[in-house]
Amino acid sequence: MAQKRESDGVTEESDGLFGRIRARCAEVTRRARFVRIDEDALAAFADRLAGEDWREDDLDPGHGIDGDATEALAFVMVLDAINFGSGWFPCLAKRPGMSGYRSIASACRERFEREGAWDAETLRATTPEAMAALLDQDLAHADVAELMGLYAQAWRELGDWLGREHDDRFASVVDAAGHSAERLVASLARMPLYRDVARYEELEVPFYKRAQITAADLARTFHSRGFGRFDDLDRLTLFADNLVPHVLRCAGVLVYEDSLAGRIEAEELLEVDSLEEVEIRAVAVEVVERLVDLLGRSGRATSAQELDGKLWNAGQAPAIKARPRHRARCTYY
């Protein structure tokens, strides 16, 4: 039996936090009632991926930040602090041709390029009104106001945490992680809105989507050097959201039980932590693990976080976006 220990408020097993995510998602997949893997479609999809040219444009406006390293570090962490809200995105005012996330990321990037990075004191003072002005949103819409309030809360929590644990220094966050993505994830998970742990029957199922994607985004921004060097980066899992599972469903790899499929097609919100919602995220994590294994066997070595990026980019295709995906209102994705 795996030994357990407490680290930074997150229970880890002997193979680490990322191993625990994988093990719990595999167990949810074994028990799942509403989501299943089509094994033939999985094998065909792996073959297709193995034969594709993976060179493509990075469609995330949060990537490709140039300039002062400390400023770029702050930008990545501040943007990832509000990298959620897909359950509200149908209500947002979006830029032409852009998704909710890309609209938000573009607005943040433009502000950063005009004025530089946010400091911890500014984050602590963030109001819903300031957030709505930054993102060009209308607080008269109740659902939009709810999300702007959560975004403001996320930035205030980040500012408070920076002051309490890191002397208002973004660099201290990475220094304290000591080139370990696992330590960075565990550290970020001390903030309430980052604590992405679901309940499935008697199991606690950790995902830590935003905390994990922060490590990956830093590695991408700094080309795995300096603030972006994490020696365990290949241990990251899929960043379980609602887009990559949708891409896998459109490919026929994920199959949803009829009533669940009908609710999603009708654009009905799913309850966070419901069996259905947890299964969608957890089974997608397991699928990506199997794809990584199949691709490795075919000579196309990759990692879960690299494959996540490819699948996320694929999800920007109009045909994928035209089909409803699952949505749930939470601060995790």
C-alpha atoms as a PDB file:
ATOM      1  CA  MET A   1       0.000   0.000   0.000  1.00  0.00           C
ATOM      2  CA  ALA A   2       1.357   3.452  -0.927  1.00  0.00           C
ATOM      3  CA  GLN A   3       2.588   5.477   2.000  1.00  0.00           C
ATOM      4  CA  LYS A   4       0.943   8.853   2.498  1.00  0.00           C
ATOM      5  CA  ARG A   5       2.288  12.106   3.886  1.00  0.00           C
ATOM      6  CA  GLU A   6       1.037  15.646   4.337  1.00  0.00           C
ATOM      7  CA  SER A   7       2.832  18.347   2.341  1.00  0.00           C
ATOM      8  CA  ASP A   8       1.684  21.962   2.089  1.00  0.00           C
ATOM      9  CA  GLY A   9      -1.851  20.936   3.033  1.00  0.00           C
ATOM     10  CA  VAL A  10      -2.097  18.473   0.127  1.00  0.00           C
ATOM     11  CA  THR A  11      -2.127  14.737   0.800  1.00  0.00           C
ATOM     12  CA  GLU A  12       0.426  13.028  -1.418  1.00  0.00           C
ATOM     13  CA  GLU A  13       1.165   9.370  -2.005  1.00  0.00           C
ATOM     14  CA  SER A  14       4.616   7.852  -2.272  1.00  0.00           C
ATOM     15  CA  ASP A  15       4.820   8.472  -6.016  1.00  0.00           C
ATOM     16  CA  GLY A  16       3.946  12.127  -5.503  1.00  0.00           C
ATOM     17  CA  LEU A  17       1.049  14.430  -6.112  1.00  0.00           C
ATOM     18  CA  PHE A  18       1.006  13.850  -9.867  1.00  0.00           C
ATOM     19  CA  GLY A  19       0.982  10.101  -9.326  1.00  0.00           C
ATOM     20  CA  ARG A  20      -1.991  10.539  -7.028  1.00  0.00           C
ATOM     21  CA  ILE A  21      -3.869  12.515  -9.683  1.00  0.00           C
ATOM     22  CA  ARG A  22      -3.236   9.759 -12.208  1.00  0.00           C
ATOM     23  CA  ALA A  23      -4.208   6.968  -9.814  1.00  0.00           C
ATOM     24  CA  ARG A  24      -7.455   8.620  -8.741  1.00  0.00           C
ATOM     25  CA  CYS A  25      -8.441   9.443 -12.319  1.00  0.00           C
ATOM     26  CA  ALA A  26      -7.747   5.848 -13.351  1.00  0.00           C
ATOM     27  CA  GLU A  27      -9.981   4.646 -10.505  1.00  0.00           C
ATOM     28  CA  VAL A  28     -12.790   7.009 -11.519  1.00  0.00           C
ATOM     29  CA  THR A  29     -12.434   5.686 -15.076  1.00  0.00           C
ATOM     30  CA  ARG A  30     -12.782   2.125 -13.788  1.00  0.00           C
ATOM     31  CA  ARG A  31     -15.968   2.997 -11.897  1.00  0.00           C
ATOM     32  CA  ALA A  32     -17.465   5.474 -14.371  1.00  0.00           C
ATOM     33  CA  ARG A  33     -21.169   5.228 -15.153  1.00  0.00           C
ATOM     34  CA  PHE A  34     -21.686   8.171 -17.500  1.00  0.00           C
ATOM     35  CA  VAL A  35     -18.437   8.369 -19.498  1.00  0.00           C
ATOM     36  CA  ARG A  36     -16.521   5.585 -21.199  1.00  0.00           C
ATOM     37  CA  ILE A  37     -13.540   5.174 -23.513  1.00  0.00           C
ATOM     38  CA  ASP A  38     -14.042   3.714 -26.982  1.00  0.00           C
ATOM     39  CA  GLU A  39     -10.878   1.632 -27.230  1.00  0.00           C
ATOM     40  CA  ASP A  40     -10.994   1.299 -31.021  1.00  0.00           C
ATOM     41  CA  ALA A  41     -11.439   5.058 -31.434  1.00  0.00           C
ATOM     42  CA  LEU A  42      -8.605   5.640 -28.962  1.00  0.00           C
ATOM     43  CA  ALA A  43      -6.222   3.486 -31.004  1.00  0.00           C
ATOM     44  CA  ALA A  44      -7.291   5.170 -34.248  1.00  0.00           C
ATOM     45  CA  PHE A  45      -6.872   8.622 -32.725  1.00  0.00           C
ATOM     46  CA  ALA A  46      -3.390   7.727 -31.488  1.00  0.00           C
ATOM     47  CA  ASP A  47      -2.480   6.551 -35.000  1.00  0.00           C
ATOM     48  CA  ARG A  48      -3.787   9.808 -36.445  1.00  0.00           C
ATOM     49  CA  LEU A  49      -1.825  11.905 -33.980  1.00  0.00           C
ATOM     50  CA  ALA A  50       1.337   9.903 -34.639  1.00  0.00           C
ATOM     51  CA  GLY A  51       1.112  10.717 -38.330  1.00  0.00           C
ATOM     52  CA  GLU A  52       0.419  14.440 -37.970  1.00  0.00           C
ATOM     53  CA  ASP A  53       2.845  17.333 -38.170  1.00  0.00           C
ATOM     54  CA  TRP A  54       2.762  18.794 -34.647  1.00  0.00           C
ATOM     55  CA  ARG A  55       4.245  22.118 -35.668  1.00  0.00           C
ATOM     56  CA  GLU A  56       1.487  24.692 -35.407  1.00  0.00           C
ATOM     57  CA  ASP A  57       0.823  28.238 -34.271  1.00  0.00           C
ATOM     58  CA  ASP A  58       0.338  28.741 -30.551  1.00  0.00           C
ATOM     59  CA  LEU A  59      -3.170  30.193 -30.298  1.00  0.00           C
ATOM     60  CA  ASP A  60      -2.970  31.219 -26.628  1.00  0.00           C
ATOM     61  CA  PRO A  61      -2.596  35.027 -26.198  1.00  0.00           C
ATOM     62  CA  GLY A  62      -1.073  34.346 -22.795  1.00  0.00           C
ATOM     63  CA  HIS A  63       2.027  32.838 -24.404  1.00  0.00           C
ATOM     64  CA  GLY A  64       4.969  34.489 -26.149  1.00  0.00           C
ATOM     65  CA  ILE A  65       5.572  37.209 -23.567  1.00  0.00           C
ATOM     66  CA  ASP A  66       8.806  39.140 -24.121  1.00  0.00           C
ATOM     67  CA  GLY A  67      10.746  41.644 -22.043  1.00  0.00           C
ATOM     68  CA  ASP A  68      11.825  41.764 -18.422  1.00  0.00           C
ATOM     69  CA  ALA A  69      11.799  38.295 -16.859  1.00  0.00           C
ATOM     70  CA  THR A  70      10.253  39.370 -13.553  1.00  0.00           C
ATOM     71  CA  GLU A  71       7.505  41.256 -15.381  1.00  0.00           C
ATOM     72  CA  ALA A  72       6.800  38.243 -17.613  1.00  0.00           C
ATOM     73  CA  LEU A  73       6.679  35.978 -14.546  1.00  0.00           C
ATOM     74  CA  ALA A  74       4.125  38.252 -12.918  1.00  0.00           C
ATOM     75  CA  PHE A  75       2.005  38.349 -16.066  1.00  0.00           C
ATOM     76  CA  VAL A  76       1.828  34.557 -16.335  1.00  0.00           C
ATOM     77  CA  MET A  77       0.894  34.093 -12.694  1.00  0.00           C
ATOM     78  CA  VAL A  78      -1.699  36.869 -12.719  1.00  0.00           C
ATOM     79  CA  LEU A  79      -3.363  35.608 -15.897  1.00  0.00           C
ATOM     80  CA  ASP A  80      -3.452  32.006 -14.690  1.00  0.00           C
ATOM     81  CA  ALA A  81      -5.097  33.181 -11.475  1.00  0.00           C
ATOM     82  CA  ILE A  82      -8.193  33.972 -13.566  1.00  0.00           C
ATOM     83  CA  ASN A  83      -7.833  31.137 -16.065  1.00  0.00           C
ATOM     84  CA  PHE A  84     -11.321  29.835 -15.291  1.00  0.00           C
ATOM     85  CA  GLY A  85     -14.955  30.724 -15.876  1.00  0.00           C
ATOM     86  CA  SER A  86     -15.916  28.590 -18.880  1.00  0.00           C
ATOM     87  CA  GLY A  87     -19.310  27.990 -17.271  1.00  0.00           C
ATOM     88  CA  TRP A  88     -20.021  31.707 -17.590  1.00  0.00           C
ATOM     89  CA  PHE A  89     -18.393  32.273 -20.998  1.00  0.00           C
ATOM     90  CA  PRO A  90     -21.643  32.092 -23.019  1.00  0.00           C
ATOM     91  CA  CYS A  91     -22.728  35.219 -21.108  1.00  0.00           C
ATOM     92  CA  LEU A  92     -19.532  37.232 -21.685  1.00  0.00           C
ATOM     93  CA  ALA A  93     -18.947  39.893 -24.295  1.00  0.00           C
ATOM     94  CA  LYS A  94     -16.303  38.283 -26.491  1.00  0.00           C
ATOM     95  CA  ARG A  95     -14.003  39.684 -29.124  1.00  0.00           C
ATOM     96  CA  PRO A  96     -14.796  38.815 -32.747  1.00  0.00           C
ATOM     97  CA  GLY A  97     -13.664  35.289 -33.537  1.00  0.00           C
ATOM     98  CA  MET A  98     -12.362  34.673 -30.008  1.00  0.00           C
ATOM     99  CA  SER A  99     -13.430  32.373 -27.198  1.00  0.00           C
ATOM    100  CA  GLY A 100     -14.085  33.633 -23.690  1.00  0.00           C
ATOM    101  CA  TYR A 101     -10.606  32.730 -22.492  1.00  0.00           C
ATOM    102  CA  ARG A 102      -8.836  34.204 -25.497  1.00  0.00           C
ATOM    103  CA  SER A 103     -10.842  37.435 -25.120  1.00  0.00           C
ATOM    104  CA  ILE A 104      -9.828  37.694 -21.459  1.00  0.00           C
ATOM    105  CA  ALA A 105      -6.194  36.802 -22.116  1.00  0.00           C
ATOM    106  CA  SER A 106      -5.981  39.321 -24.953  1.00  0.00           C
ATOM    107  CA  ALA A 107      -7.333  42.125 -22.756  1.00  0.00           C
ATOM    108  CA  CYS A 108      -4.850  41.274 -19.992  1.00  0.00           C
ATOM    109  CA  ARG A 109      -1.971  41.112 -22.442  1.00  0.00           C
ATOM    110  CA  GLU A 110      -2.827  44.499 -23.965  1.00  0.00           C
ATOM    111  CA  ARG A 111      -2.965  46.076 -20.501  1.00  0.00           C
ATOM    112  CA  PHE A 112       0.369  44.444 -19.639  1.00  0.00           C
ATOM    113  CA  GLU A 113       1.971  45.757 -22.831  1.00  0.00           C
ATOM    114  CA  ARG A 114       0.694  49.282 -22.073  1.00  0.00           C
ATOM    115  CA  GLU A 115       1.401  49.495 -18.359  1.00  0.00           C
ATOM    116  CA  GLY A 116       3.576  46.573 -17.292  1.00  0.00           C
ATOM    117  CA  ALA A 117       2.788  43.837 -14.796  1.00  0.00           C
ATOM    118  CA  TRP A 118       0.475  44.058 -11.822  1.00  0.00           C
ATOM    119  CA  ASP A 119       2.095  44.220  -8.394  1.00  0.00           C
ATOM    120  CA  ALA A 120       0.773  42.531  -5.267  1.00  0.00           C
ATOM    121  CA  GLU A 121      -0.614  45.757  -3.795  1.00  0.00           C
ATOM    122  CA  THR A 122      -2.655  46.407  -6.932  1.00  0.00           C
ATOM    123  CA  LEU A 123      -3.956  42.838  -6.895  1.00  0.00           C
ATOM    124  CA  ARG A 124      -5.090  43.202  -3.286  1.00  0.00           C
ATOM    125  CA  ALA A 125      -7.156  46.249  -4.237  1.00  0.00           C
ATOM    126  CA  THR A 126      -8.944  44.666  -7.206  1.00  0.00           C
ATOM    127  CA  THR A 127     -12.699  45.253  -7.370  1.00  0.00           C
ATOM    128  CA  PRO A 128     -15.338  43.719  -9.635  1.00  0.00           C
ATOM    129  CA  GLU A 129     -15.725  47.151 -11.231  1.00  0.00           C
ATOM    130  CA  ALA A 130     -12.022  47.332 -12.071  1.00  0.00           C
ATOM    131  CA  MET A 131     -12.099  43.814 -13.478  1.00  0.00           C
ATOM    132  CA  ALA A 132     -15.144  44.565 -15.637  1.00  0.00           C
ATOM    133  CA  ALA A 133     -13.461  47.718 -16.978  1.00  0.00           C
ATOM    134  CA  LEU A 134     -10.276  45.795 -17.812  1.00  0.00           C
ATOM    135  CA  LEU A 135     -12.143  43.011 -19.595  1.00  0.00           C
ATOM    136  CA  ASP A 136     -14.807  45.251 -21.192  1.00  0.00           C
ATOM    137  CA  GLN A 137     -17.711  43.525 -19.478  1.00  0.00           C
ATOM    138  CA  ASP A 138     -21.111  44.806 -18.300  1.00  0.00           C
ATOM    139  CA  LEU A 139     -21.831  44.384 -14.591  1.00  0.00           C
ATOM    140  CA  ALA A 140     -25.530  44.995 -15.249  1.00  0.00           C
ATOM    141  CA  HIS A 141     -25.665  41.367 -16.413  1.00  0.00           C
ATOM    142  CA  ALA A 142     -25.998  39.332 -13.199  1.00  0.00           C
ATOM    143  CA  ASP A 143     -24.078  36.307 -14.458  1.00  0.00           C
ATOM    144  CA  VAL A 144     -21.246  38.483 -15.767  1.00  0.00           C
ATOM    145  CA  ALA A 145     -21.152  40.352 -12.450  1.00  0.00           C
ATOM    146  CA  GLU A 146     -20.824  37.024 -10.624  1.00  0.00           C
ATOM    147  CA  LEU A 147     -17.769  36.059 -12.695  1.00  0.00           C
ATOM    148  CA  MET A 148     -16.164  39.510 -12.378  1.00  0.00           C
ATOM    149  CA  GLY A 149     -16.572  39.173  -8.616  1.00  0.00           C
ATOM    150  CA  LEU A 150     -14.808  35.819  -8.648  1.00  0.00           C
ATOM    151  CA  TYR A 151     -12.013  37.183 -10.834  1.00  0.00           C
ATOM    152  CA  ALA A 152     -11.527  40.083  -8.440  1.00  0.00           C
ATOM    153  CA  GLN A 153     -11.506  37.652  -5.514  1.00  0.00           C
ATOM    154  CA  ALA A 154      -8.898  35.495  -7.272  1.00  0.00           C
ATOM    155  CA  TRP A 155      -6.567  38.469  -7.733  1.00  0.00           C
ATOM    156  CA  ARG A 156      -7.073  39.645  -4.169  1.00  0.00           C
ATOM    157  CA  GLU A 157      -6.288  36.147  -2.883  1.00  0.00           C
ATOM    158  CA  LEU A 158      -3.156  36.048  -5.024  1.00  0.00           C
ATOM    159  CA  GLY A 159      -2.076  39.445  -3.706  1.00  0.00           C
ATOM    160  CA  ASP A 160      -2.753  38.426  -0.100  1.00  0.00           C
ATOM    161  CA  TRP A 161      -0.823  35.176  -0.555  1.00  0.00           C
ATOM    162  CA  LEU A 162       2.118  36.965  -2.143  1.00  0.00           C
ATOM    163  CA  GLY A 163       2.244  39.350   0.789  1.00  0.00           C
ATOM    164  CA  ARG A 164       1.784  36.715   3.452  1.00  0.00           C
ATOM    165  CA  GLU A 165       4.210  34.090   2.121  1.00  0.00           C
ATOM    166  CA  HIS A 166       6.486  35.773  -0.421  1.00  0.00           C
ATOM    167  CA  ASP A 167       7.101  39.340   0.690  1.00  0.00           C
ATOM    168  CA  ASP A 168       5.134  40.567  -2.359  1.00  0.00           C
ATOM    169  CA  ARG A 169       7.714  38.995  -4.701  1.00  0.00           C
ATOM    170  CA  PHE A 170       6.618  36.810  -7.614  1.00  0.00           C
ATOM    171  CA  ALA A 171      10.183  35.527  -7.967  1.00  0.00           C
ATOM    172  CA  SER A 172      10.006  34.114  -4.447  1.00  0.00           C
ATOM    173  CA  VAL A 173       7.193  31.777  -5.542  1.00  0.00           C
ATOM    174  CA  VAL A 174       9.401  30.088  -8.132  1.00  0.00           C
ATOM    175  CA  ASP A 175      12.500  30.197  -5.951  1.00  0.00           C
ATOM    176  CA  ALA A 176      10.624  28.402  -3.165  1.00  0.00           C
ATOM    177  CA  ALA A 177       9.577  25.661  -5.605  1.00  0.00           C
ATOM    178  CA  GLY A 178      13.231  24.820  -6.250  1.00  0.00           C
ATOM    179  CA  HIS A 179      12.720  23.737  -9.891  1.00  0.00           C
ATOM    180  CA  SER A 180       9.896  21.399  -8.853  1.00  0.00           C
ATOM    181  CA  ALA A 181       6.525  21.721 -10.596  1.00  0.00           C
ATOM    182  CA  GLU A 182       5.041  19.525  -7.883  1.00  0.00           C
ATOM    183  CA  ARG A 183       6.143  21.927  -5.158  1.00  0.00           C
ATOM    184  CA  LEU A 184       4.819  24.879  -7.150  1.00  0.00           C
ATOM    185  CA  VAL A 185       1.434  23.190  -7.587  1.00  0.00           C
ATOM    186  CA  ALA A 186       1.216  22.297  -3.895  1.00  0.00           C
ATOM    187  CA  SER A 187       2.131  25.864  -2.973  1.00  0.00           C
ATOM    188  CA  LEU A 188      -0.489  27.450  -5.232  1.00  0.00           C
ATOM    189  CA  ALA A 189      -3.092  25.011  -3.917  1.00  0.00           C
ATOM    190  CA  ARG A 190      -2.932  26.736  -0.540  1.00  0.00           C
ATOM    191  CA  MET A 191      -5.083  29.480  -2.082  1.00  0.00           C
ATOM    192  CA  PRO A 192      -8.780  28.506  -1.791  1.00  0.00           C
ATOM    193  CA  LEU A 193      -9.718  29.163  -5.416  1.00  0.00           C
ATOM    194  CA  TYR A 194      -6.838  26.964  -6.589  1.00  0.00           C
ATOM    195  CA  ARG A 195      -7.834  23.971  -4.476  1.00  0.00           C
ATOM    196  CA  ASP A 196      -9.179  21.904  -7.345  1.00  0.00           C
ATOM    197  CA  VAL A 197     -10.038  18.652  -5.565  1.00  0.00           C
ATOM    198  CA  ALA A 198     -13.304  16.915  -6.434  1.00  0.00           C
ATOM    199  CA  ARG A 199     -15.312  14.385  -4.470  1.00  0.00           C
ATOM    200  CA  TYR A 200     -16.296  11.154  -6.238  1.00  0.00           C
ATOM    201  CA  GLU A 201     -18.126   8.748  -3.988  1.00  0.00           C
ATOM    202  CA  GLU A 202     -15.661   8.243  -1.114  1.00  0.00           C
ATOM    203  CA  LEU A 203     -12.657   9.401  -3.160  1.00  0.00           C
ATOM    204  CA  GLU A 204     -10.937  12.741  -3.205  1.00  0.00           C
ATOM    205  CA  VAL A 205      -9.915  13.342  -6.819  1.00  0.00           C
ATOM    206  CA  PRO A 206      -7.302  16.092  -7.281  1.00  0.00           C
ATOM    207  CA  PHE A 207      -6.982  17.834 -10.643  1.00  0.00           C
ATOM    208  CA  TYR A 208      -5.212  21.155  -9.880  1.00  0.00           C
ATOM    209  CA  LYS A 209      -5.760  22.351 -13.436  1.00  0.00           C
ATOM    210  CA  ARG A 210      -4.777  25.996 -12.919  1.00  0.00           C
ATOM    211  CA  ALA A 211      -1.862  25.237 -10.641  1.00  0.00           C
ATOM    212  CA  GLN A 212      -0.453  22.725 -13.125  1.00  0.00           C
ATOM    213  CA  ILE A 213      -0.955  24.993 -16.114  1.00  0.00           C
ATOM    214  CA  THR A 214       0.965  27.725 -14.312  1.00  0.00           C
ATOM    215  CA  ALA A 215       4.064  25.525 -14.276  1.00  0.00           C
ATOM    216  CA  ALA A 216       3.596  24.654 -17.942  1.00  0.00           C
ATOM    217  CA  ASP A 217       3.037  28.286 -18.939  1.00  0.00           C
ATOM    218  CA  LEU A 218       6.167  29.369 -17.089  1.00  0.00           C
ATOM    219  CA  ALA A 219       8.180  26.651 -18.811  1.00  0.00           C
ATOM    220  CA  ARG A 220       6.847  27.780 -22.185  1.00  0.00           C
ATOM    221  CA  THR A 221       7.436  31.477 -21.486  1.00  0.00           C
ATOM    222  CA  PHE A 222      11.015  30.994 -20.288  1.00  0.00           C
ATOM    223  CA  HIS A 223      11.911  28.061 -22.571  1.00  0.00           C
ATOM    224  CA  SER A 224      12.434  25.805 -19.533  1.00  0.00           C
ATOM    225  CA  ARG A 225      15.179  28.064 -18.187  1.00  0.00           C
ATOM    226  CA  GLY A 226      15.308  30.475 -15.262  1.00  0.00           C
ATOM    227  CA  PHE A 227      11.802  31.013 -13.897  1.00  0.00           C
ATOM    228  CA  GLY A 228      10.615  28.261 -16.256  1.00  0.00           C
ATOM    229  CA  ARG A 229      12.937  25.454 -15.232  1.00  0.00           C
ATOM    230  CA  PHE A 230      11.078  22.551 -13.634  1.00  0.00           C
ATOM    231  CA  ASP A 231      12.940  19.260 -13.509  1.00  0.00           C
ATOM    232  CA  ASP A 232       9.715  17.241 -13.198  1.00  0.00           C
ATOM    233  CA  LEU A 233       7.743  19.003 -15.951  1.00  0.00           C
ATOM    234  CA  ASP A 234       7.082  15.712 -17.737  1.00  0.00           C
ATOM    235  CA  ARG A 235       5.150  14.561 -14.645  1.00  0.00           C
ATOM    236  CA  LEU A 236       2.357  17.091 -15.203  1.00  0.00           C
ATOM    237  CA  THR A 237      -0.993  15.565 -16.163  1.00  0.00           C
ATOM    238  CA  LEU A 238      -3.664  16.792 -18.537  1.00  0.00           C
ATOM    239  CA  PHE A 239      -4.988  20.198 -17.442  1.00  0.00           C
ATOM    240  CA  ALA A 240      -8.514  18.908 -16.997  1.00  0.00           C
ATOM    241  CA  ASP A 241     -10.981  21.495 -18.255  1.00  0.00           C
ATOM    242  CA  ASN A 242     -14.034  21.331 -20.523  1.00  0.00           C
ATOM    243  CA  LEU A 243     -12.328  21.790 -23.908  1.00  0.00           C
ATOM    244  CA  VAL A 244      -9.914  18.873 -24.172  1.00  0.00           C
ATOM    245  CA  PRO A 245     -12.597  16.357 -23.088  1.00  0.00           C
ATOM    246  CA  HIS A 246     -14.810  17.908 -25.774  1.00  0.00           C
ATOM    247  CA  VAL A 247     -12.101  17.437 -28.410  1.00  0.00           C
ATOM    248  CA  LEU A 248     -11.769  13.796 -27.317  1.00  0.00           C
ATOM    249  CA  ARG A 249     -15.535  13.363 -27.526  1.00  0.00           C
ATOM    250  CA  CYS A 250     -15.648  14.889 -31.015  1.00  0.00           C
ATOM    251  CA  ALA A 251     -12.952  12.378 -32.006  1.00  0.00           C
ATOM    252  CA  GLY A 252     -15.159   9.548 -30.735  1.00  0.00           C
ATOM    253  CA  VAL A 253     -12.725   8.596 -27.978  1.00  0.00           C
ATOM    254  CA  LEU A 254     -14.943   9.700 -25.102  1.00  0.00           C
ATOM    255  CA  VAL A 255     -18.515   8.420 -25.209  1.00  0.00           C
ATOM    256  CA  TYR A 256     -21.168   9.922 -22.946  1.00  0.00           C
ATOM    257  CA  GLU A 257     -24.249   8.146 -21.631  1.00  0.00           C
ATOM    258  CA  ASP A 258     -27.335   9.272 -23.571  1.00  0.00           C
ATOM    259  CA  SER A 259     -28.946  11.415 -20.880  1.00  0.00           C
ATOM    260  CA  LEU A 260     -25.664  13.202 -20.168  1.00  0.00           C
ATOM    261  CA  ALA A 261     -25.051  13.765 -23.873  1.00  0.00           C
ATOM    262  CA  GLY A 262     -28.543  15.192 -24.208  1.00  0.00           C
ATOM    263  CA  ARG A 263     -28.053  17.624 -21.339  1.00  0.00           C
ATOM    264  CA  ILE A 264     -24.774  18.838 -22.821  1.00  0.00           C
ATOM    265  CA  GLU A 265     -26.262  19.234 -26.293  1.00  0.00           C
ATOM    266  CA  ALA A 266     -29.093  21.250 -24.696  1.00  0.00           C
ATOM    267  CA  GLU A 267     -26.402  23.461 -23.085  1.00  0.00           C
ATOM    268  CA  GLU A 268     -27.564  22.643 -19.566  1.00  0.00           C
ATOM    269  CA  LEU A 269     -25.067  23.489 -16.834  1.00  0.00           C
ATOM    270  CA  LEU A 270     -23.643  20.495 -14.974  1.00  0.00           C
ATOM    271  CA  GLU A 271     -23.295  20.594 -11.218  1.00  0.00           C
ATOM    272  CA  VAL A 272     -19.701  20.901 -10.057  1.00  0.00           C
ATOM    273  CA  ASP A 273     -18.577  17.711  -8.282  1.00  0.00           C
ATOM    274  CA  SER A 274     -21.491  15.720  -9.692  1.00  0.00           C
ATOM    275  CA  LEU A 275     -20.583  12.215 -10.782  1.00  0.00           C
ATOM    276  CA  GLU A 276     -20.972  13.217 -14.415  1.00  0.00           C
ATOM    277  CA  GLU A 277     -18.780  16.308 -14.183  1.00  0.00           C
ATOM    278  CA  VAL A 278     -15.991  14.522 -12.320  1.00  0.00           C
ATOM    279  CA  GLU A 279     -16.085  11.587 -14.715  1.00  0.00           C
ATOM    280  CA  ILE A 280     -15.697  13.831 -17.767  1.00  0.00           C
ATOM    281  CA  ARG A 281     -12.556  15.425 -16.343  1.00  0.00           C
ATOM    282  CA  ALA A 282     -11.071  12.267 -14.817  1.00  0.00           C
ATOM    283  CA  VAL A 283     -11.633  10.007 -17.812  1.00  0.00           C
ATOM    284  CA  ALA A 284     -10.061  12.663 -20.051  1.00  0.00           C
ATOM    285  CA  VAL A 285      -6.955  12.582 -17.832  1.00  0.00           C
ATOM    286  CA  GLU A 286      -6.831   8.808 -18.213  1.00  0.00           C
ATOM    287  CA  VAL A 287      -7.299   9.008 -21.996  1.00  0.00           C
ATOM    288  CA  VAL A 288      -4.350  11.361 -22.312  1.00  0.00           C
ATOM    289  CA  GLU A 289      -2.218   8.997 -20.239  1.00  0.00           C
ATOM    290  CA  ARG A 290      -3.106   6.150 -22.611  1.00  0.00           C
ATOM    291  CA  LEU A 291      -2.436   8.340 -25.649  1.00  0.00           C
ATOM    292  CA  VAL A 292       0.992   9.258 -24.304  1.00  0.00           C
ATOM    293  CA  ASP A 293       1.735   5.559 -23.879  1.00  0.00           C
ATOM    294  CA  LEU A 294       0.471   4.621 -27.352  1.00  0.00           C
ATOM    295  CA  LEU A 295       2.342   7.475 -29.002  1.00  0.00           C
ATOM    296  CA  GLY A 296       5.526   6.491 -27.182  1.00  0.00           C
ATOM    297  CA  ARG A 297       5.213   2.936 -28.453  1.00  0.00           C
ATOM    298  CA  SER A 298       4.826   4.243 -31.998  1.00  0.00           C
ATOM    299  CA  GLY A 299       8.024   6.272 -31.678  1.00  0.00           C
ATOM    300  CA  ARG A 300       6.291   9.623 -31.098  1.00  0.00           C
ATOM    301  CA  ALA A 301       7.453  10.376 -27.551  1.00  0.00           C
ATOM    302  CA  THR A 302       5.428  13.087 -25.852  1.00  0.00           C
ATOM    303  CA  SER A 303       4.105  14.111 -22.444  1.00  0.00           C
ATOM    304  CA  ALA A 304       0.653  14.814 -21.063  1.00  0.00           C
ATOM    305  CA  GLN A 305       1.252  18.547 -20.925  1.00  0.00           C
ATOM    306  CA  GLU A 306       2.588  18.658 -24.489  1.00  0.00           C
ATOM    307  CA  LEU A 307      -0.392  16.673 -25.727  1.00  0.00           C
ATOM    308  CA  ASP A 308      -2.724  18.955 -23.784  1.00  0.00           C
ATOM    309  CA  GLY A 309      -1.398  21.911 -25.765  1.00  0.00           C
ATOM    310  CA  LYS A 310      -1.950  20.175 -29.087  1.00  0.00           C
ATOM    311  CA  LEU A 311      -5.493  19.133 -28.168  1.00  0.00           C
ATOM    312  CA  TRP A 312      -6.324  22.604 -26.814  1.00  0.00           C
ATOM    313  CA  ASN A 313      -5.207  24.162 -30.097  1.00  0.00           C
ATOM    314  CA  ALA A 314      -7.313  21.613 -31.986  1.00  0.00           C
ATOM    315  CA  GLY A 315     -10.267  22.762 -29.921  1.00  0.00           C
ATOM    316  CA  GLN A 316     -10.084  26.222 -31.483  1.00  0.00           C
ATOM    317  CA  ALA A 317     -11.324  24.820 -34.813  1.00  0.00           C
ATOM    318  CA  PRO A 318     -14.766  26.189 -35.790  1.00  0.00           C
ATOM    319  CA  ALA A 319     -16.256  22.705 -36.224  1.00  0.00           C
ATOM    320  CA  ILE A 320     -15.222  21.771 -32.673  1.00  0.00           C
ATOM    321  CA  LYS A 321     -16.450  25.029 -31.179  1.00  0.00           C
ATOM    322  CA  ALA A 322     -19.796  24.792 -32.970  1.00  0.00           C
ATOM    323  CA  ARG A 323     -20.779  21.714 -30.982  1.00  0.00           C
ATOM    324  CA  PRO A 324     -21.814  22.272 -27.352  1.00  0.00           C
ATOM    325  CA  ARG A 325     -19.372  21.114 -24.700  1.00  0.00           C
ATOM    326  CA  HIS A 326     -20.020  20.507 -21.036  1.00  0.00           C
ATOM    327  CA  ARG A 327     -20.099  23.572 -18.820  1.00  0.00           C
ATOM    328  CA  ALA A 328     -20.046  23.922 -15.052  1.00  0.00           C
ATOM    329  CA  ARG A 329     -19.564  27.032 -12.956  1.00  0.00           C
ATOM    330  CA  CYS A 330     -16.440  26.798 -10.836  1.00  0.00           C
ATOM    331  CA  THR A 331     -13.086  28.500 -10.282  1.00  0.00           C
ATOM    332  CA  TYR A 332     -11.081  25.578 -11.645  1.00  0.00           C
ATOM    333  CA  TYR A 333     -11.596  25.775 -15.434  1.00  0.00           C
END
